[in-house]
């Protein structure tokens, strides 16, 4: 998530939270953040995947600063927690998904909607990508 606009820059889904799961979204976002004119920080929780040498070395190689939440403190990552709450409220609750693929497609469509059409007061009535 771009903290200035709230745009979801990359995401991935997996049946299990393994290293390839987190590396997929990192590799998606690296070409985007390489264009930044400011120091880039990627924030995560303290999951083992984010402490893995491959993750840490990829961040260092790409000059990305690593930030991790304090143990047991979800407030450190409140912008993403807020997004997950909005996603669940607007896209998930009250719906039934029969397959993983159906759920993934619904999330992909919602993220597109969130980035391109859902206006935010903080952005003066514009969407994150406007």
N, C-alpha and C. Protein backbone atom coordinates (compact mmCIF):
# COMPACT_ATOMS: atom_id res chain seq x y z
N UNK A 1 0.84 -1.18 0.00
CA UNK A 1 0.00 0.00 0.00
C UNK A 1 0.89 1.24 0.00
N UNK A 2 0.58 2.15 -0.89
CA UNK A 2 1.24 3.45 -0.90
C UNK A 2 0.62 4.26 0.23
N UNK A 3 1.42 4.67 1.19
CA UNK A 3 0.88 5.35 2.36
C UNK A 3 0.38 6.76 2.06
N UNK A 4 0.82 7.36 0.98
CA UNK A 4 0.36 8.70 0.64
C UNK A 4 -1.04 8.66 0.02
N UNK A 5 -1.29 7.69 -0.85
CA UNK A 5 -2.56 7.65 -1.57
C UNK A 5 -3.49 6.53 -1.13
N UNK A 6 -2.95 5.49 -0.50
CA UNK A 6 -3.75 4.33 -0.14
C UNK A 6 -3.88 3.32 -1.25
N UNK A 7 -3.17 3.53 -2.36
CA UNK A 7 -3.25 2.59 -3.48
C UNK A 7 -2.62 1.26 -3.09
N UNK A 8 -3.30 0.17 -3.42
CA UNK A 8 -2.74 -1.16 -3.23
C UNK A 8 -1.81 -1.40 -4.41
N UNK A 9 -0.52 -1.50 -4.14
CA UNK A 9 0.49 -1.61 -5.19
C UNK A 9 0.69 -3.04 -5.67
N UNK A 10 0.55 -4.00 -4.78
CA UNK A 10 0.67 -5.40 -5.16
C UNK A 10 0.02 -6.25 -4.08
N UNK A 11 -0.34 -7.46 -4.47
CA UNK A 11 -0.86 -8.41 -3.50
C UNK A 11 -0.72 -9.80 -4.07
N UNK A 12 -0.76 -10.77 -3.19
CA UNK A 12 -0.75 -12.16 -3.63
C UNK A 12 -1.61 -12.97 -2.67
N UNK A 13 -2.03 -14.10 -3.13
CA UNK A 13 -2.83 -15.03 -2.32
C UNK A 13 -2.24 -16.41 -2.46
N UNK A 14 -2.42 -17.20 -1.41
CA UNK A 14 -1.87 -18.54 -1.43
C UNK A 14 -2.68 -19.44 -0.51
N UNK A 15 -2.63 -20.73 -0.78
CA UNK A 15 -3.27 -21.69 0.10
C UNK A 15 -2.48 -21.84 1.40
N UNK A 16 -1.21 -21.47 1.38
CA UNK A 16 -0.37 -21.58 2.58
C UNK A 16 0.61 -20.40 2.62
N UNK A 17 0.92 -19.93 3.82
CA UNK A 17 1.79 -18.76 3.96
C UNK A 17 3.28 -19.12 3.90
N UNK A 18 3.74 -19.53 2.73
CA UNK A 18 5.15 -19.90 2.59
C UNK A 18 5.95 -18.72 2.02
N UNK A 19 7.24 -18.94 1.85
CA UNK A 19 8.12 -17.86 1.38
C UNK A 19 7.75 -17.39 -0.02
N UNK A 20 7.41 -18.30 -0.91
CA UNK A 20 7.08 -17.90 -2.28
C UNK A 20 5.86 -16.98 -2.30
N UNK A 21 4.96 -17.15 -1.35
CA UNK A 21 3.77 -16.31 -1.24
C UNK A 21 4.16 -14.84 -1.03
N UNK A 22 5.06 -14.57 -0.09
CA UNK A 22 5.43 -13.18 0.18
C UNK A 22 6.39 -12.64 -0.87
N UNK A 23 7.22 -13.50 -1.43
CA UNK A 23 8.15 -13.05 -2.47
C UNK A 23 7.41 -12.64 -3.73
N UNK A 24 6.28 -13.28 -4.01
CA UNK A 24 5.50 -12.94 -5.21
C UNK A 24 5.07 -11.48 -5.18
N UNK A 25 4.47 -11.04 -4.07
CA UNK A 25 4.03 -9.65 -4.02
C UNK A 25 5.21 -8.68 -3.95
N UNK A 26 6.30 -9.08 -3.30
CA UNK A 26 7.49 -8.22 -3.28
C UNK A 26 8.04 -8.04 -4.69
N UNK A 27 8.15 -9.12 -5.44
CA UNK A 27 8.66 -9.03 -6.81
C UNK A 27 7.73 -8.24 -7.73
N UNK A 28 6.43 -8.24 -7.43
CA UNK A 28 5.49 -7.42 -8.21
C UNK A 28 5.72 -5.93 -7.96
N UNK A 29 6.01 -5.58 -6.72
CA UNK A 29 6.08 -4.16 -6.36
C UNK A 29 7.46 -3.53 -6.61
N UNK A 30 8.51 -4.32 -6.68
CA UNK A 30 9.85 -3.75 -6.85
C UNK A 30 9.99 -2.84 -8.07
N UNK A 31 9.50 -3.22 -9.25
CA UNK A 31 9.62 -2.30 -10.39
C UNK A 31 8.88 -0.98 -10.18
N UNK A 32 7.80 -1.01 -9.41
CA UNK A 32 7.03 0.20 -9.14
C UNK A 32 7.79 1.11 -8.19
N UNK A 33 8.31 0.54 -7.11
CA UNK A 33 8.96 1.39 -6.11
C UNK A 33 10.36 1.83 -6.51
N UNK A 34 10.95 1.18 -7.50
CA UNK A 34 12.27 1.63 -7.98
C UNK A 34 12.18 3.02 -8.59
N UNK A 35 10.99 3.42 -9.01
CA UNK A 35 10.79 4.73 -9.61
C UNK A 35 10.65 5.84 -8.57
N UNK A 36 10.54 5.47 -7.30
CA UNK A 36 10.32 6.46 -6.24
C UNK A 36 11.53 7.38 -6.10
N UNK A 37 11.26 8.64 -5.81
CA UNK A 37 12.32 9.61 -5.62
C UNK A 37 12.65 9.79 -4.14
N UNK A 38 12.05 8.98 -3.30
CA UNK A 38 12.25 9.06 -1.86
C UNK A 38 12.59 7.66 -1.34
N UNK A 39 13.05 7.61 -0.11
CA UNK A 39 13.38 6.33 0.50
C UNK A 39 12.11 5.50 0.66
N UNK A 40 12.16 4.28 0.21
CA UNK A 40 11.00 3.40 0.27
C UNK A 40 11.12 2.46 1.46
N UNK A 41 10.02 2.30 2.16
CA UNK A 41 9.95 1.39 3.30
C UNK A 41 8.86 0.37 3.04
N UNK A 42 9.16 -0.89 3.32
CA UNK A 42 8.14 -1.93 3.29
C UNK A 42 7.93 -2.39 4.72
N UNK A 43 6.68 -2.30 5.16
CA UNK A 43 6.33 -2.66 6.53
C UNK A 43 5.61 -4.00 6.54
N UNK A 44 5.93 -4.82 7.52
CA UNK A 44 5.28 -6.14 7.65
C UNK A 44 5.14 -6.49 9.12
N UNK A 45 4.48 -7.62 9.36
CA UNK A 45 4.49 -8.14 10.72
C UNK A 45 5.79 -8.91 10.93
N UNK A 46 5.88 -9.67 12.02
CA UNK A 46 7.11 -10.38 12.33
C UNK A 46 7.08 -11.83 11.88
N UNK A 47 6.26 -12.16 10.90
CA UNK A 47 6.20 -13.53 10.40
C UNK A 47 7.56 -14.02 9.95
N UNK A 48 7.76 -15.32 10.04
CA UNK A 48 9.07 -15.89 9.69
C UNK A 48 9.47 -15.57 8.26
N UNK A 49 8.48 -15.43 7.37
CA UNK A 49 8.79 -15.16 5.97
C UNK A 49 9.52 -13.82 5.82
N UNK A 50 9.15 -12.84 6.64
CA UNK A 50 9.73 -11.50 6.55
C UNK A 50 11.08 -11.40 7.26
N UNK A 51 11.45 -12.46 7.96
CA UNK A 51 12.76 -12.52 8.59
C UNK A 51 13.71 -13.42 7.81
N UNK A 52 13.17 -14.08 6.79
CA UNK A 52 13.95 -15.02 5.98
C UNK A 52 15.04 -14.26 5.22
N UNK A 53 16.19 -14.90 5.08
CA UNK A 53 17.34 -14.27 4.41
C UNK A 53 17.00 -13.82 2.99
N UNK A 54 16.24 -14.61 2.26
CA UNK A 54 15.91 -14.24 0.87
C UNK A 54 15.11 -12.94 0.84
N UNK A 55 14.14 -12.78 1.74
CA UNK A 55 13.33 -11.56 1.81
C UNK A 55 14.22 -10.37 2.18
N UNK A 56 14.99 -10.53 3.25
CA UNK A 56 15.85 -9.45 3.75
C UNK A 56 16.87 -9.03 2.69
N UNK A 57 17.51 -9.99 2.05
CA UNK A 57 18.53 -9.68 1.04
C UNK A 57 17.91 -9.01 -0.19
N UNK A 58 16.70 -9.42 -0.57
CA UNK A 58 16.03 -8.78 -1.71
C UNK A 58 15.75 -7.32 -1.40
N UNK A 59 15.30 -7.04 -0.18
CA UNK A 59 15.07 -5.64 0.21
C UNK A 59 16.38 -4.85 0.17
N UNK A 60 17.43 -5.39 0.76
CA UNK A 60 18.72 -4.68 0.79
C UNK A 60 19.25 -4.44 -0.61
N UNK A 61 19.17 -5.46 -1.45
CA UNK A 61 19.67 -5.35 -2.83
C UNK A 61 18.95 -4.24 -3.59
N UNK A 62 17.69 -4.03 -3.27
CA UNK A 62 16.88 -3.02 -3.95
C UNK A 62 16.77 -1.71 -3.17
N UNK A 63 17.59 -1.57 -2.13
CA UNK A 63 17.64 -0.36 -1.31
C UNK A 63 16.29 0.02 -0.72
N UNK A 64 15.60 -0.99 -0.22
CA UNK A 64 14.31 -0.79 0.42
C UNK A 64 14.49 -1.00 1.92
N UNK A 65 14.03 -0.05 2.70
CA UNK A 65 14.14 -0.12 4.15
C UNK A 65 13.07 -1.07 4.68
N UNK A 66 13.46 -1.95 5.60
CA UNK A 66 12.52 -2.91 6.18
C UNK A 66 12.03 -2.41 7.54
N UNK A 67 10.72 -2.44 7.72
CA UNK A 67 10.09 -2.07 8.98
C UNK A 67 9.18 -3.21 9.40
N UNK A 68 9.22 -3.57 10.67
CA UNK A 68 8.38 -4.66 11.17
C UNK A 68 7.58 -4.17 12.38
N UNK A 69 6.34 -4.65 12.46
CA UNK A 69 5.50 -4.34 13.61
C UNK A 69 6.11 -4.89 14.89
N UNK A 70 5.84 -4.22 15.97
CA UNK A 70 6.23 -4.76 17.26
C UNK A 70 5.35 -5.97 17.56
N UNK A 71 5.87 -6.90 18.29
CA UNK A 71 5.15 -8.13 18.59
C UNK A 71 3.82 -7.82 19.27
N UNK A 72 2.75 -8.39 18.71
CA UNK A 72 1.42 -8.24 19.30
C UNK A 72 0.83 -6.86 19.18
N UNK A 73 1.30 -6.03 18.25
CA UNK A 73 0.80 -4.67 18.13
C UNK A 73 0.31 -4.41 16.71
N UNK A 74 -0.95 -4.74 16.45
CA UNK A 74 -1.50 -4.56 15.11
C UNK A 74 -1.62 -3.08 14.73
N UNK A 75 -1.56 -2.18 15.71
CA UNK A 75 -1.67 -0.75 15.40
C UNK A 75 -0.50 -0.25 14.58
N UNK A 76 0.64 -0.95 14.65
CA UNK A 76 1.79 -0.56 13.84
C UNK A 76 1.49 -0.66 12.35
N UNK A 77 0.54 -1.48 12.00
CA UNK A 77 0.20 -1.68 10.59
C UNK A 77 -1.26 -1.28 10.35
N UNK A 78 -1.70 -0.24 11.04
CA UNK A 78 -3.12 0.13 10.99
C UNK A 78 -3.64 0.49 9.60
N UNK A 79 -2.87 1.11 8.71
CA UNK A 79 -3.44 1.37 7.38
C UNK A 79 -3.86 0.09 6.65
N UNK A 80 -3.03 -0.95 6.72
CA UNK A 80 -3.39 -2.22 6.06
C UNK A 80 -4.52 -2.91 6.81
N UNK A 81 -4.50 -2.86 8.13
CA UNK A 81 -5.58 -3.46 8.91
C UNK A 81 -6.90 -2.77 8.56
N UNK A 82 -6.87 -1.45 8.39
CA UNK A 82 -8.05 -0.70 8.00
C UNK A 82 -8.54 -1.13 6.61
N UNK A 83 -7.60 -1.28 5.67
CA UNK A 83 -7.98 -1.74 4.33
C UNK A 83 -8.64 -3.11 4.40
N UNK A 84 -8.06 -4.04 5.17
CA UNK A 84 -8.65 -5.38 5.27
C UNK A 84 -10.06 -5.31 5.84
N UNK A 85 -10.28 -4.43 6.81
CA UNK A 85 -11.62 -4.25 7.36
C UNK A 85 -12.60 -3.74 6.33
N UNK A 86 -12.18 -2.77 5.53
CA UNK A 86 -13.04 -2.23 4.46
C UNK A 86 -13.32 -3.31 3.42
N UNK A 87 -12.29 -4.03 3.01
CA UNK A 87 -12.46 -5.11 2.02
C UNK A 87 -13.47 -6.13 2.52
N UNK A 88 -13.33 -6.57 3.77
CA UNK A 88 -14.25 -7.58 4.30
C UNK A 88 -15.67 -7.03 4.38
N UNK A 89 -15.82 -5.79 4.81
CA UNK A 89 -17.14 -5.20 4.94
C UNK A 89 -17.81 -5.00 3.58
N UNK A 90 -17.08 -4.51 2.60
CA UNK A 90 -17.68 -4.18 1.31
C UNK A 90 -17.70 -5.33 0.32
N UNK A 91 -16.82 -6.32 0.48
CA UNK A 91 -16.72 -7.37 -0.53
C UNK A 91 -17.01 -8.77 -0.01
N UNK A 92 -16.73 -9.02 1.25
CA UNK A 92 -16.73 -10.40 1.74
C UNK A 92 -17.96 -10.78 2.56
N UNK A 93 -18.29 -9.98 3.57
CA UNK A 93 -19.38 -10.35 4.46
C UNK A 93 -20.69 -10.50 3.70
N UNK A 94 -21.41 -11.58 4.01
CA UNK A 94 -22.70 -11.84 3.37
C UNK A 94 -22.59 -12.57 2.05
N UNK A 95 -21.39 -12.86 1.61
CA UNK A 95 -21.20 -13.56 0.34
C UNK A 95 -20.66 -14.97 0.60
N UNK A 96 -20.92 -15.85 -0.33
CA UNK A 96 -20.39 -17.21 -0.26
C UNK A 96 -19.56 -17.47 -1.50
N UNK A 97 -18.36 -17.96 -1.30
CA UNK A 97 -17.47 -18.29 -2.41
C UNK A 97 -17.27 -19.80 -2.41
N UNK A 98 -17.57 -20.41 -3.53
CA UNK A 98 -17.51 -21.88 -3.62
C UNK A 98 -16.10 -22.40 -3.83
N UNK A 99 -15.26 -21.60 -4.45
CA UNK A 99 -13.90 -22.06 -4.73
C UNK A 99 -12.90 -20.96 -4.36
N UNK A 100 -11.67 -21.38 -4.21
CA UNK A 100 -10.57 -20.45 -3.96
C UNK A 100 -10.45 -19.47 -5.13
N UNK A 101 -10.58 -19.97 -6.34
CA UNK A 101 -10.47 -19.13 -7.53
C UNK A 101 -11.56 -18.06 -7.55
N UNK A 102 -12.76 -18.42 -7.13
CA UNK A 102 -13.87 -17.47 -7.08
C UNK A 102 -13.57 -16.35 -6.07
N UNK A 103 -13.05 -16.72 -4.91
CA UNK A 103 -12.68 -15.73 -3.90
C UNK A 103 -11.55 -14.84 -4.42
N UNK A 104 -10.54 -15.44 -5.02
CA UNK A 104 -9.41 -14.67 -5.55
C UNK A 104 -9.87 -13.67 -6.60
N UNK A 105 -10.74 -14.09 -7.50
CA UNK A 105 -11.25 -13.19 -8.53
C UNK A 105 -12.03 -12.03 -7.91
N UNK A 106 -12.82 -12.31 -6.89
CA UNK A 106 -13.59 -11.26 -6.22
C UNK A 106 -12.65 -10.25 -5.55
N UNK A 107 -11.58 -10.73 -4.94
CA UNK A 107 -10.62 -9.83 -4.29
C UNK A 107 -9.89 -9.00 -5.34
N UNK A 108 -9.49 -9.61 -6.45
CA UNK A 108 -8.83 -8.87 -7.53
C UNK A 108 -9.73 -7.76 -8.06
N UNK A 109 -11.00 -8.07 -8.27
CA UNK A 109 -11.95 -7.06 -8.76
C UNK A 109 -12.14 -5.96 -7.73
N UNK A 110 -12.20 -6.33 -6.45
CA UNK A 110 -12.38 -5.32 -5.42
C UNK A 110 -11.17 -4.39 -5.35
N UNK A 111 -9.98 -4.94 -5.42
CA UNK A 111 -8.78 -4.10 -5.36
C UNK A 111 -8.74 -3.14 -6.54
N UNK A 112 -9.15 -3.60 -7.71
CA UNK A 112 -9.23 -2.69 -8.86
C UNK A 112 -10.23 -1.57 -8.56
N UNK A 113 -11.41 -1.94 -8.06
CA UNK A 113 -12.43 -0.95 -7.69
C UNK A 113 -11.87 0.02 -6.64
N UNK A 114 -11.24 -0.51 -5.61
CA UNK A 114 -10.70 0.31 -4.53
C UNK A 114 -9.67 1.31 -5.06
N UNK A 115 -8.79 0.86 -5.93
CA UNK A 115 -7.74 1.72 -6.46
C UNK A 115 -8.25 2.75 -7.46
N UNK A 116 -9.22 2.37 -8.30
CA UNK A 116 -9.60 3.20 -9.44
C UNK A 116 -10.93 3.93 -9.29
N UNK A 117 -11.84 3.43 -8.46
CA UNK A 117 -13.18 4.02 -8.43
C UNK A 117 -13.65 4.47 -7.05
N UNK A 118 -13.16 3.84 -6.01
CA UNK A 118 -13.63 4.16 -4.66
C UNK A 118 -12.97 5.46 -4.20
N UNK A 119 -13.79 6.50 -4.03
CA UNK A 119 -13.24 7.80 -3.66
C UNK A 119 -12.94 7.85 -2.16
N UNK A 120 -12.00 8.73 -1.82
CA UNK A 120 -11.60 8.89 -0.42
C UNK A 120 -11.66 10.37 -0.06
N UNK A 121 -12.22 10.66 1.08
CA UNK A 121 -12.29 12.04 1.55
C UNK A 121 -10.88 12.62 1.70
N UNK A 122 -9.97 11.80 2.21
CA UNK A 122 -8.58 12.22 2.42
C UNK A 122 -7.92 12.68 1.12
N UNK A 123 -8.40 12.16 -0.02
CA UNK A 123 -7.84 12.53 -1.33
C UNK A 123 -8.74 13.52 -2.07
N UNK A 124 -9.52 14.28 -1.32
CA UNK A 124 -10.41 15.31 -1.88
C UNK A 124 -11.39 14.73 -2.90
N UNK A 125 -11.95 13.57 -2.58
CA UNK A 125 -12.96 12.96 -3.44
C UNK A 125 -12.41 12.22 -4.64
N UNK A 126 -11.12 11.94 -4.63
CA UNK A 126 -10.53 11.17 -5.73
C UNK A 126 -10.23 9.75 -5.26
N UNK A 127 -10.01 8.86 -6.22
CA UNK A 127 -9.60 7.50 -5.89
C UNK A 127 -8.08 7.49 -5.72
N UNK A 128 -7.52 6.42 -5.15
CA UNK A 128 -6.07 6.39 -4.94
C UNK A 128 -5.22 6.60 -6.19
N UNK A 129 -5.67 6.18 -7.36
CA UNK A 129 -4.82 6.34 -8.55
C UNK A 129 -5.12 7.60 -9.35
N UNK A 130 -6.09 8.39 -8.95
CA UNK A 130 -6.40 9.61 -9.71
C UNK A 130 -5.39 10.71 -9.44
